[in-house]
Amino acid sequence: MHARNHQLANARPVTAFTLVEVMVALAIFGMAVVVLGAAYINVLNGYDAIRKDQVREEELAFVFARIMAHQVREDFEAGGTIDTLHAGRFSWIARLERTGVADLFDAEITVTLPEREVGGRRGELTKRALIYRPGWEDAAERDRLRLETRERLEDSRNERPGNV
């Protein structure tokens, strides 16, 4: 019996986790899962927002390319609508102003975004562009502008130092 007590005294104590330690570890693991899950959801939402913005920009680029392709001045100034694959129907109007150069126009194009526009934004978008369209200028006006441009160029040549 004495030998048995001696064996129990020399035996190593049994090491194990207590219930409290296991519960704390599970709580920490659970919080980590929640934080990582929320971060993952935010990343997915960010990717979705970027994709919608890209689709919106592609749709607008398509609309402006279609508008700029108009070859008849009256059609360009009348405006109209353009259907797109994702966003729906865009409506647009354009205003032309003459510049001091023959066949060059300053165009202001206002596009009204559709009701169910991709990206969640609605409203109007205005862009300005210089458009070169030889067929749009009145022949007499074109000749007058060309003569004025020629005179300006000659005057600028004569004003340069060294030209006598």
N, C-alpha and C. Protein backbone atom coordinates (compact mmCIF):
# COMPACT_ATOMS: atom_id res chain seq x y z
N MET A 1 0.83 -1.17 0.00
CA MET A 1 0.00 0.00 0.00
C MET A 1 0.87 1.23 0.00
N HIS A 2 1.96 1.06 0.68
CA HIS A 2 2.90 2.16 0.72
C HIS A 2 3.45 2.44 -0.68
N ALA A 3 3.64 1.39 -1.46
CA ALA A 3 4.15 1.54 -2.82
C ALA A 3 3.12 2.24 -3.71
N ARG A 4 1.90 1.93 -3.45
CA ARG A 4 0.86 2.56 -4.27
C ARG A 4 0.78 4.05 -3.97
N ASN A 5 0.86 4.48 -2.76
CA ASN A 5 0.85 5.90 -2.41
C ASN A 5 2.06 6.60 -3.01
N HIS A 6 3.17 5.88 -3.05
CA HIS A 6 4.38 6.45 -3.62
C HIS A 6 4.19 6.69 -5.11
N GLN A 7 3.51 5.75 -5.81
CA GLN A 7 3.26 5.91 -7.23
C GLN A 7 2.31 7.08 -7.47
N LEU A 8 1.33 7.25 -6.66
CA LEU A 8 0.39 8.36 -6.83
C LEU A 8 1.06 9.69 -6.54
N ALA A 9 1.97 9.71 -5.63
CA ALA A 9 2.67 10.96 -5.31
C ALA A 9 3.62 11.35 -6.42
N ASN A 10 4.24 10.39 -7.08
CA ASN A 10 5.18 10.68 -8.16
C ASN A 10 4.50 10.86 -9.51
N ALA A 11 3.23 10.51 -9.63
CA ALA A 11 2.53 10.63 -10.91
C ALA A 11 2.34 12.10 -11.28
N ARG A 12 2.44 12.31 -12.55
CA ARG A 12 2.24 13.68 -13.02
C ARG A 12 0.77 14.05 -12.93
N PRO A 13 0.50 15.33 -12.70
CA PRO A 13 -0.91 15.72 -12.67
C PRO A 13 -1.50 15.70 -14.09
N VAL A 14 -2.75 15.36 -14.20
CA VAL A 14 -3.44 15.32 -15.49
C VAL A 14 -3.72 16.75 -15.93
N THR A 15 -3.23 17.08 -17.13
CA THR A 15 -3.45 18.44 -17.64
C THR A 15 -4.58 18.40 -18.66
N ALA A 16 -5.50 19.32 -18.55
CA ALA A 16 -6.63 19.43 -19.48
C ALA A 16 -7.17 20.85 -19.40
N PHE A 17 -7.92 21.22 -20.44
CA PHE A 17 -8.54 22.54 -20.43
C PHE A 17 -9.78 22.49 -19.56
N THR A 18 -9.99 23.58 -18.86
CA THR A 18 -11.21 23.68 -18.06
C THR A 18 -12.33 24.15 -18.98
N LEU A 19 -13.53 24.00 -18.52
CA LEU A 19 -14.69 24.42 -19.30
C LEU A 19 -14.64 25.92 -19.58
N VAL A 20 -14.20 26.71 -18.64
CA VAL A 20 -14.10 28.17 -18.83
C VAL A 20 -13.11 28.49 -19.95
N GLU A 21 -11.98 27.80 -19.98
CA GLU A 21 -10.98 28.06 -21.02
C GLU A 21 -11.53 27.69 -22.40
N VAL A 22 -12.24 26.62 -22.50
CA VAL A 22 -12.84 26.22 -23.77
C VAL A 22 -13.87 27.25 -24.21
N MET A 23 -14.69 27.72 -23.29
CA MET A 23 -15.72 28.73 -23.63
C MET A 23 -15.08 30.04 -24.09
N VAL A 24 -14.02 30.47 -23.44
CA VAL A 24 -13.32 31.70 -23.84
C VAL A 24 -12.73 31.53 -25.24
N ALA A 25 -12.13 30.38 -25.51
CA ALA A 25 -11.56 30.13 -26.84
C ALA A 25 -12.64 30.14 -27.91
N LEU A 26 -13.79 29.53 -27.63
CA LEU A 26 -14.90 29.54 -28.59
C LEU A 26 -15.44 30.95 -28.81
N ALA A 27 -15.51 31.75 -27.76
CA ALA A 27 -15.98 33.13 -27.89
C ALA A 27 -15.02 33.95 -28.76
N ILE A 28 -13.72 33.78 -28.55
CA ILE A 28 -12.74 34.50 -29.37
C ILE A 28 -12.83 34.05 -30.83
N PHE A 29 -12.95 32.76 -31.04
CA PHE A 29 -13.08 32.24 -32.40
C PHE A 29 -14.36 32.76 -33.06
N GLY A 30 -15.45 32.80 -32.32
CA GLY A 30 -16.71 33.31 -32.86
C GLY A 30 -16.61 34.78 -33.25
N MET A 31 -15.97 35.59 -32.41
CA MET A 31 -15.80 37.01 -32.75
C MET A 31 -14.93 37.16 -33.99
N ALA A 32 -13.89 36.35 -34.11
CA ALA A 32 -13.03 36.42 -35.29
C ALA A 32 -13.81 36.06 -36.56
N VAL A 33 -14.66 35.06 -36.48
CA VAL A 33 -15.48 34.66 -37.63
C VAL A 33 -16.43 35.79 -38.03
N VAL A 34 -17.05 36.43 -37.04
CA VAL A 34 -17.98 37.53 -37.33
C VAL A 34 -17.24 38.70 -38.00
N VAL A 35 -16.08 39.07 -37.48
CA VAL A 35 -15.32 40.18 -38.04
C VAL A 35 -14.87 39.86 -39.46
N LEU A 36 -14.33 38.65 -39.66
CA LEU A 36 -13.88 38.26 -41.00
C LEU A 36 -15.05 38.15 -41.98
N GLY A 37 -16.18 37.66 -41.51
CA GLY A 37 -17.37 37.59 -42.36
C GLY A 37 -17.84 38.97 -42.78
N ALA A 38 -17.86 39.91 -41.84
CA ALA A 38 -18.27 41.28 -42.18
C ALA A 38 -17.29 41.92 -43.16
N ALA A 39 -16.01 41.67 -42.98
CA ALA A 39 -15.01 42.21 -43.90
C ALA A 39 -15.20 41.62 -45.30
N TYR A 40 -15.49 40.35 -45.38
CA TYR A 40 -15.72 39.70 -46.67
C TYR A 40 -16.95 40.27 -47.36
N ILE A 41 -18.01 40.50 -46.61
CA ILE A 41 -19.24 41.10 -47.17
C ILE A 41 -18.93 42.50 -47.70
N ASN A 42 -18.15 43.28 -46.95
CA ASN A 42 -17.79 44.63 -47.41
C ASN A 42 -16.98 44.58 -48.71
N VAL A 43 -16.08 43.61 -48.82
CA VAL A 43 -15.31 43.47 -50.06
C VAL A 43 -16.24 43.12 -51.22
N LEU A 44 -17.17 42.22 -51.00
CA LEU A 44 -18.12 41.85 -52.06
C LEU A 44 -18.98 43.05 -52.47
N ASN A 45 -19.43 43.83 -51.49
CA ASN A 45 -20.22 45.03 -51.81
C ASN A 45 -19.39 46.04 -52.59
N GLY A 46 -18.12 46.16 -52.23
CA GLY A 46 -17.23 47.07 -52.97
C GLY A 46 -17.05 46.63 -54.41
N TYR A 47 -16.84 45.34 -54.62
CA TYR A 47 -16.71 44.82 -55.99
C TYR A 47 -17.99 45.05 -56.78
N ASP A 48 -19.13 44.87 -56.15
CA ASP A 48 -20.41 45.09 -56.83
C ASP A 48 -20.58 46.56 -57.21
N ALA A 49 -20.21 47.47 -56.32
CA ALA A 49 -20.32 48.89 -56.62
C ALA A 49 -19.39 49.28 -57.77
N ILE A 50 -18.18 48.73 -57.77
CA ILE A 50 -17.24 49.01 -58.86
C ILE A 50 -17.78 48.48 -60.18
N ARG A 51 -18.34 47.28 -60.16
CA ARG A 51 -18.90 46.70 -61.38
C ARG A 51 -20.04 47.56 -61.91
N LYS A 52 -20.90 48.03 -61.03
CA LYS A 52 -22.01 48.88 -61.46
C LYS A 52 -21.50 50.19 -62.04
N ASP A 53 -20.48 50.78 -61.43
CA ASP A 53 -19.90 52.02 -61.97
C ASP A 53 -19.27 51.77 -63.33
N GLN A 54 -18.61 50.64 -63.51
CA GLN A 54 -18.01 50.33 -64.80
C GLN A 54 -19.08 50.15 -65.87
N VAL A 55 -20.14 49.45 -65.52
CA VAL A 55 -21.24 49.26 -66.47
C VAL A 55 -21.85 50.61 -66.82
N ARG A 56 -22.02 51.47 -65.84
CA ARG A 56 -22.59 52.80 -66.07
C ARG A 56 -21.69 53.61 -67.00
N GLU A 57 -20.39 53.58 -66.76
CA GLU A 57 -19.47 54.33 -67.61
C GLU A 57 -19.45 53.78 -69.03
N GLU A 58 -19.51 52.46 -69.17
CA GLU A 58 -19.56 51.86 -70.50
C GLU A 58 -20.85 52.24 -71.22
N GLU A 59 -21.96 52.25 -70.51
CA GLU A 59 -23.23 52.64 -71.11
C GLU A 59 -23.19 54.09 -71.57
N LEU A 60 -22.65 54.98 -70.72
CA LEU A 60 -22.56 56.38 -71.10
C LEU A 60 -21.61 56.58 -72.28
N ALA A 61 -20.50 55.86 -72.32
CA ALA A 61 -19.58 55.96 -73.45
C ALA A 61 -20.27 55.51 -74.73
N PHE A 62 -21.07 54.46 -74.64
CA PHE A 62 -21.83 53.98 -75.79
C PHE A 62 -22.82 55.03 -76.26
N VAL A 63 -23.53 55.64 -75.31
CA VAL A 63 -24.52 56.66 -75.66
C VAL A 63 -23.85 57.85 -76.34
N PHE A 64 -22.75 58.35 -75.77
CA PHE A 64 -22.08 59.50 -76.36
C PHE A 64 -21.48 59.16 -77.73
N ALA A 65 -21.00 57.93 -77.90
CA ALA A 65 -20.48 57.54 -79.22
C ALA A 65 -21.60 57.52 -80.26
N ARG A 66 -22.77 57.02 -79.86
CA ARG A 66 -23.91 57.02 -80.79
C ARG A 66 -24.36 58.43 -81.13
N ILE A 67 -24.34 59.32 -80.14
CA ILE A 67 -24.73 60.71 -80.39
C ILE A 67 -23.76 61.36 -81.35
N MET A 68 -22.46 61.18 -81.10
CA MET A 68 -21.44 61.82 -81.94
C MET A 68 -21.41 61.25 -83.35
N ALA A 69 -22.01 60.11 -83.58
CA ALA A 69 -22.02 59.50 -84.91
C ALA A 69 -23.04 60.14 -85.84
N HIS A 70 -23.90 60.99 -85.33
CA HIS A 70 -24.91 61.63 -86.19
C HIS A 70 -24.22 62.48 -87.25
N GLN A 71 -24.66 62.31 -88.48
CA GLN A 71 -24.06 63.05 -89.59
C GLN A 71 -24.96 64.18 -90.10
N VAL A 72 -26.21 64.17 -89.71
CA VAL A 72 -27.14 65.21 -90.16
C VAL A 72 -27.33 66.20 -89.02
N ARG A 73 -27.06 67.48 -89.30
CA ARG A 73 -27.09 68.52 -88.27
C ARG A 73 -28.45 68.61 -87.59
N GLU A 74 -29.52 68.54 -88.38
CA GLU A 74 -30.86 68.67 -87.82
C GLU A 74 -31.17 67.53 -86.85
N ASP A 75 -30.73 66.32 -87.21
CA ASP A 75 -30.93 65.17 -86.32
C ASP A 75 -30.14 65.35 -85.03
N PHE A 76 -28.93 65.87 -85.16
CA PHE A 76 -28.08 66.08 -83.98
C PHE A 76 -28.72 67.10 -83.04
N GLU A 77 -29.17 68.20 -83.59
CA GLU A 77 -29.76 69.27 -82.76
C GLU A 77 -31.12 68.88 -82.20
N ALA A 78 -31.85 68.00 -82.88
CA ALA A 78 -33.18 67.60 -82.42
C ALA A 78 -33.11 66.71 -81.19
N GLY A 79 -31.99 66.00 -81.02
CA GLY A 79 -31.89 65.10 -79.88
C GLY A 79 -32.63 63.82 -80.14
N GLY A 80 -32.91 63.08 -79.09
CA GLY A 80 -33.62 61.82 -79.26
C GLY A 80 -33.43 60.91 -78.08
N THR A 81 -33.62 59.61 -78.33
CA THR A 81 -33.44 58.61 -77.30
C THR A 81 -32.53 57.50 -77.82
N ILE A 82 -31.84 56.85 -76.91
CA ILE A 82 -30.98 55.73 -77.25
C ILE A 82 -31.23 54.63 -76.22
N ASP A 83 -31.54 53.44 -76.70
CA ASP A 83 -31.74 52.30 -75.82
C ASP A 83 -30.42 51.59 -75.60
N THR A 84 -30.18 51.19 -74.36
CA THR A 84 -28.97 50.45 -74.03
C THR A 84 -29.35 49.10 -73.46
N LEU A 85 -28.39 48.22 -73.41
CA LEU A 85 -28.64 46.85 -72.97
C LEU A 85 -28.98 46.76 -71.48
N HIS A 86 -28.22 47.46 -70.64
CA HIS A 86 -28.38 47.31 -69.19
C HIS A 86 -29.20 48.42 -68.55
N ALA A 87 -28.96 49.65 -68.94
CA ALA A 87 -29.54 50.77 -68.22
C ALA A 87 -30.93 51.16 -68.71
N GLY A 88 -31.23 50.89 -69.95
CA GLY A 88 -32.53 51.28 -70.46
C GLY A 88 -32.42 52.40 -71.48
N ARG A 89 -33.39 53.30 -71.47
CA ARG A 89 -33.48 54.35 -72.48
C ARG A 89 -32.94 55.68 -71.95
N PHE A 90 -31.92 56.19 -72.65
CA PHE A 90 -31.36 57.51 -72.37
C PHE A 90 -31.98 58.50 -73.35
N SER A 91 -32.35 59.66 -72.87
CA SER A 91 -32.79 60.72 -73.77
C SER A 91 -31.72 61.80 -73.78
N TRP A 92 -31.63 62.54 -74.88
CA TRP A 92 -30.57 63.53 -75.01
C TRP A 92 -31.01 64.70 -75.89
N ILE A 93 -30.40 65.82 -75.63
CA ILE A 93 -30.56 67.00 -76.47
C ILE A 93 -29.17 67.59 -76.69
N ALA A 94 -29.03 68.34 -77.78
CA ALA A 94 -27.73 68.94 -78.08
C ALA A 94 -27.94 70.38 -78.53
N ARG A 95 -26.95 71.19 -78.21
CA ARG A 95 -26.96 72.60 -78.62
C ARG A 95 -25.63 72.87 -79.30
N LEU A 96 -25.69 73.44 -80.51
CA LEU A 96 -24.49 73.75 -81.27
C LEU A 96 -24.25 75.24 -81.29
N GLU A 97 -22.99 75.61 -81.21
CA GLU A 97 -22.59 77.00 -81.39
C GLU A 97 -21.44 77.03 -82.39
N ARG A 98 -21.44 78.04 -83.22
CA ARG A 98 -20.33 78.18 -84.16
C ARG A 98 -19.08 78.64 -83.43
N THR A 99 -17.96 78.22 -83.96
CA THR A 99 -16.68 78.71 -83.46
C THR A 99 -16.11 79.64 -84.52
N GLY A 100 -14.94 80.15 -84.29
CA GLY A 100 -14.32 81.04 -85.27
C GLY A 100 -13.64 80.28 -86.40
N VAL A 101 -13.79 78.98 -86.43
CA VAL A 101 -13.16 78.15 -87.46
C VAL A 101 -14.26 77.50 -88.29
N ALA A 102 -14.03 77.47 -89.61
CA ALA A 102 -15.03 76.90 -90.51
C ALA A 102 -15.24 75.42 -90.21
N ASP A 103 -16.49 75.01 -90.19
CA ASP A 103 -16.92 73.63 -90.00
C ASP A 103 -16.60 73.05 -88.62
N LEU A 104 -16.22 73.88 -87.68
CA LEU A 104 -15.96 73.42 -86.32
C LEU A 104 -17.03 74.00 -85.40
N PHE A 105 -17.68 73.12 -84.65
CA PHE A 105 -18.79 73.53 -83.80
C PHE A 105 -18.49 73.16 -82.35
N ASP A 106 -18.98 73.99 -81.45
CA ASP A 106 -18.92 73.71 -80.02
C ASP A 106 -20.27 73.11 -79.64
N ALA A 107 -20.26 71.85 -79.25
CA ALA A 107 -21.50 71.14 -78.94
C ALA A 107 -21.63 70.93 -77.45
N GLU A 108 -22.81 71.19 -76.94
CA GLU A 108 -23.14 70.88 -75.55
C GLU A 108 -24.23 69.83 -75.58
N ILE A 109 -23.92 68.65 -75.06
CA ILE A 109 -24.83 67.51 -75.11
C ILE A 109 -25.29 67.20 -73.69
N THR A 110 -26.60 67.18 -73.48
CA THR A 110 -27.17 66.86 -72.18
C THR A 110 -27.91 65.54 -72.29
N VAL A 111 -27.48 64.58 -71.50
CA VAL A 111 -28.09 63.25 -71.49
C VAL A 111 -28.88 63.09 -70.20
N THR A 112 -30.13 62.69 -70.33
CA THR A 112 -30.97 62.40 -69.17
C THR A 112 -30.90 60.90 -68.92
N LEU A 113 -30.47 60.54 -67.72
CA LEU A 113 -30.31 59.14 -67.38
C LEU A 113 -31.67 58.49 -67.18
N PRO A 114 -31.79 57.20 -67.52
CA PRO A 114 -33.09 56.53 -67.40
C PRO A 114 -33.53 56.34 -65.96
N GLU A 115 -34.79 55.99 -65.81
CA GLU A 115 -35.37 55.79 -64.48
C GLU A 115 -34.64 54.70 -63.70
N ARG A 116 -34.40 53.59 -64.32
CA ARG A 116 -33.75 52.46 -63.64
C ARG A 116 -32.28 52.39 -64.08
N GLU A 117 -31.58 53.46 -63.86
CA GLU A 117 -30.20 53.58 -64.32
C GLU A 117 -29.27 52.70 -63.51
N VAL A 118 -28.32 52.05 -64.18
CA VAL A 118 -27.35 51.18 -63.52
C VAL A 118 -26.46 52.03 -62.64
N GLY A 119 -26.23 51.61 -61.43
CA GLY A 119 -25.39 52.34 -60.50
C GLY A 119 -26.21 53.14 -59.49
N GLY A 120 -27.52 53.21 -59.68
CA GLY A 120 -28.37 53.85 -58.70
C GLY A 120 -28.42 55.36 -58.77
N ARG A 121 -27.74 55.98 -59.73
CA ARG A 121 -27.77 57.44 -59.81
C ARG A 121 -28.68 57.86 -60.95
N ARG A 122 -29.43 58.91 -60.72
CA ARG A 122 -30.32 59.44 -61.76
C ARG A 122 -30.01 60.91 -61.95
N GLY A 123 -30.55 61.46 -63.02
CA GLY A 123 -30.36 62.88 -63.26
C GLY A 123 -29.86 63.14 -64.66
N GLU A 124 -29.12 64.24 -64.82
CA GLU A 124 -28.62 64.64 -66.13
C GLU A 124 -27.11 64.74 -66.10
N LEU A 125 -26.53 64.51 -67.25
CA LEU A 125 -25.10 64.62 -67.43
C LEU A 125 -24.86 65.46 -68.67
N THR A 126 -24.02 66.50 -68.55
CA THR A 126 -23.74 67.38 -69.67
C THR A 126 -22.27 67.30 -70.03
N LYS A 127 -22.01 67.16 -71.34
CA LYS A 127 -20.64 67.15 -71.85
C LYS A 127 -20.53 68.16 -72.98
N ARG A 128 -19.34 68.73 -73.07
CA ARG A 128 -19.05 69.65 -74.18
C ARG A 128 -17.99 69.01 -75.06
N ALA A 129 -18.10 69.25 -76.36
CA ALA A 129 -17.14 68.69 -77.30
C ALA A 129 -17.06 69.60 -78.52
N LEU A 130 -15.88 69.62 -79.13
CA LEU A 130 -15.72 70.29 -80.41
C LEU A 130 -15.95 69.26 -81.50
N ILE A 131 -16.81 69.60 -82.46
CA ILE A 131 -17.17 68.68 -83.52
C ILE A 131 -16.80 69.30 -84.86
N TYR A 132 -16.06 68.55 -85.66
CA TYR A 132 -15.72 68.98 -87.01
C TYR A 132 -16.64 68.27 -87.98
N ARG A 133 -17.54 69.01 -88.61
CA ARG A 133 -18.48 68.46 -89.58
C ARG A 133 -18.52 69.39 -90.80
N PRO A 134 -17.79 69.04 -91.85
CA PRO A 134 -17.74 69.90 -93.04
C PRO A 134 -19.09 70.15 -93.69
N GLY A 135 -20.00 69.23 -93.61
CA GLY A 135 -21.29 69.41 -94.28
C GLY A 135 -22.29 70.25 -93.51
N TRP A 136 -21.99 70.64 -92.29
CA TRP A 136 -22.98 71.32 -91.46
C TRP A 136 -22.96 72.84 -91.61
N GLU A 137 -21.91 73.39 -92.10
CA GLU A 137 -21.78 74.84 -92.20
C GLU A 137 -22.39 75.32 -93.52
N ASP A 138 -23.05 76.46 -93.47
CA ASP A 138 -23.56 77.11 -94.68
C ASP A 138 -22.36 77.49 -95.55
N ALA A 139 -22.47 77.29 -96.89
CA ALA A 139 -21.34 77.52 -97.79
C ALA A 139 -20.82 78.96 -97.69
N ALA A 140 -21.72 79.95 -97.65
CA ALA A 140 -21.29 81.35 -97.57
C ALA A 140 -20.60 81.62 -96.23
N GLU A 141 -21.13 81.06 -95.15
CA GLU A 141 -20.52 81.23 -93.82
C GLU A 141 -19.15 80.56 -93.78
N ARG A 142 -19.04 79.39 -94.38
CA ARG A 142 -17.76 78.68 -94.42
C ARG A 142 -16.70 79.52 -95.14
N ASP A 143 -17.08 80.09 -96.29
CA ASP A 143 -16.13 80.92 -97.04
C ASP A 143 -15.71 82.14 -96.23
N ARG A 144 -16.67 82.77 -95.54
CA ARG A 144 -16.35 83.95 -94.73
C ARG A 144 -15.39 83.59 -93.60
N LEU A 145 -15.65 82.48 -92.90
CA LEU A 145 -14.78 82.05 -91.81
C LEU A 145 -13.38 81.67 -92.31
N ARG A 146 -13.32 81.04 -93.47
CA ARG A 146 -12.00 80.69 -94.03
C ARG A 146 -11.21 81.94 -94.38
N LEU A 147 -11.88 82.94 -94.93
CA LEU A 147 -11.22 84.21 -95.26
C LEU A 147 -10.73 84.89 -93.99
N GLU A 148 -11.55 84.92 -92.94
CA GLU A 148 -11.13 85.52 -91.67
C GLU A 148 -9.93 84.77 -91.07
N THR A 149 -9.95 83.46 -91.15
CA THR A 149 -8.84 82.67 -90.62
C THR A 149 -7.56 82.95 -91.41
N ARG A 150 -7.68 83.02 -92.72
CA ARG A 150 -6.52 83.33 -93.56
C ARG A 150 -5.95 84.70 -93.21
N GLU A 151 -6.83 85.68 -92.99
CA GLU A 151 -6.38 87.04 -92.63
C GLU A 151 -5.70 87.04 -91.26
N ARG A 152 -6.24 86.30 -90.31
CA ARG A 152 -5.60 86.22 -88.99
C ARG A 152 -4.21 85.60 -89.08
N LEU A 153 -4.09 84.55 -89.87
CA LEU A 153 -2.79 83.91 -90.03
C LEU A 153 -1.78 84.87 -90.69
N GLU A 154 -2.21 85.58 -91.69
CA GLU A 154 -1.31 86.53 -92.35
C GLU A 154 -0.91 87.66 -91.40
N ASP A 155 -1.85 88.15 -90.61
CA ASP A 155 -1.54 89.20 -89.63
C ASP A 155 -0.55 88.69 -88.59
N SER A 156 -0.73 87.45 -88.13
CA SER A 156 0.19 86.93 -87.12
C SER A 156 1.59 86.72 -87.71
N ARG A 157 1.70 86.35 -88.98
CA ARG A 157 3.00 86.22 -89.63
C ARG A 157 3.70 87.57 -89.75
N ASN A 158 2.93 88.59 -90.06
CA ASN A 158 3.50 89.93 -90.24
C ASN A 158 3.94 90.54 -88.92
N GLU A 159 3.32 90.14 -87.80
CA GLU A 159 3.66 90.70 -86.50
C GLU A 159 4.88 90.06 -85.87
N ARG A 160 5.33 88.91 -86.37
CA ARG A 160 6.48 88.24 -85.81
C ARG A 160 7.75 89.06 -86.03
N PRO A 161 8.63 89.09 -85.02
CA PRO A 161 9.90 89.80 -85.22
C PRO A 161 10.75 89.07 -86.28
N GLY A 162 11.42 89.84 -87.08
CA GLY A 162 12.26 89.27 -88.12
C GLY A 162 11.58 89.23 -89.46
N ASN A 163 10.25 89.44 -89.49
CA ASN A 163 9.53 89.49 -90.78
C ASN A 163 9.43 90.96 -91.20
N VAL A 164 10.06 91.26 -92.29
CA VAL A 164 10.02 92.66 -92.79
C VAL A 164 9.58 92.67 -94.21
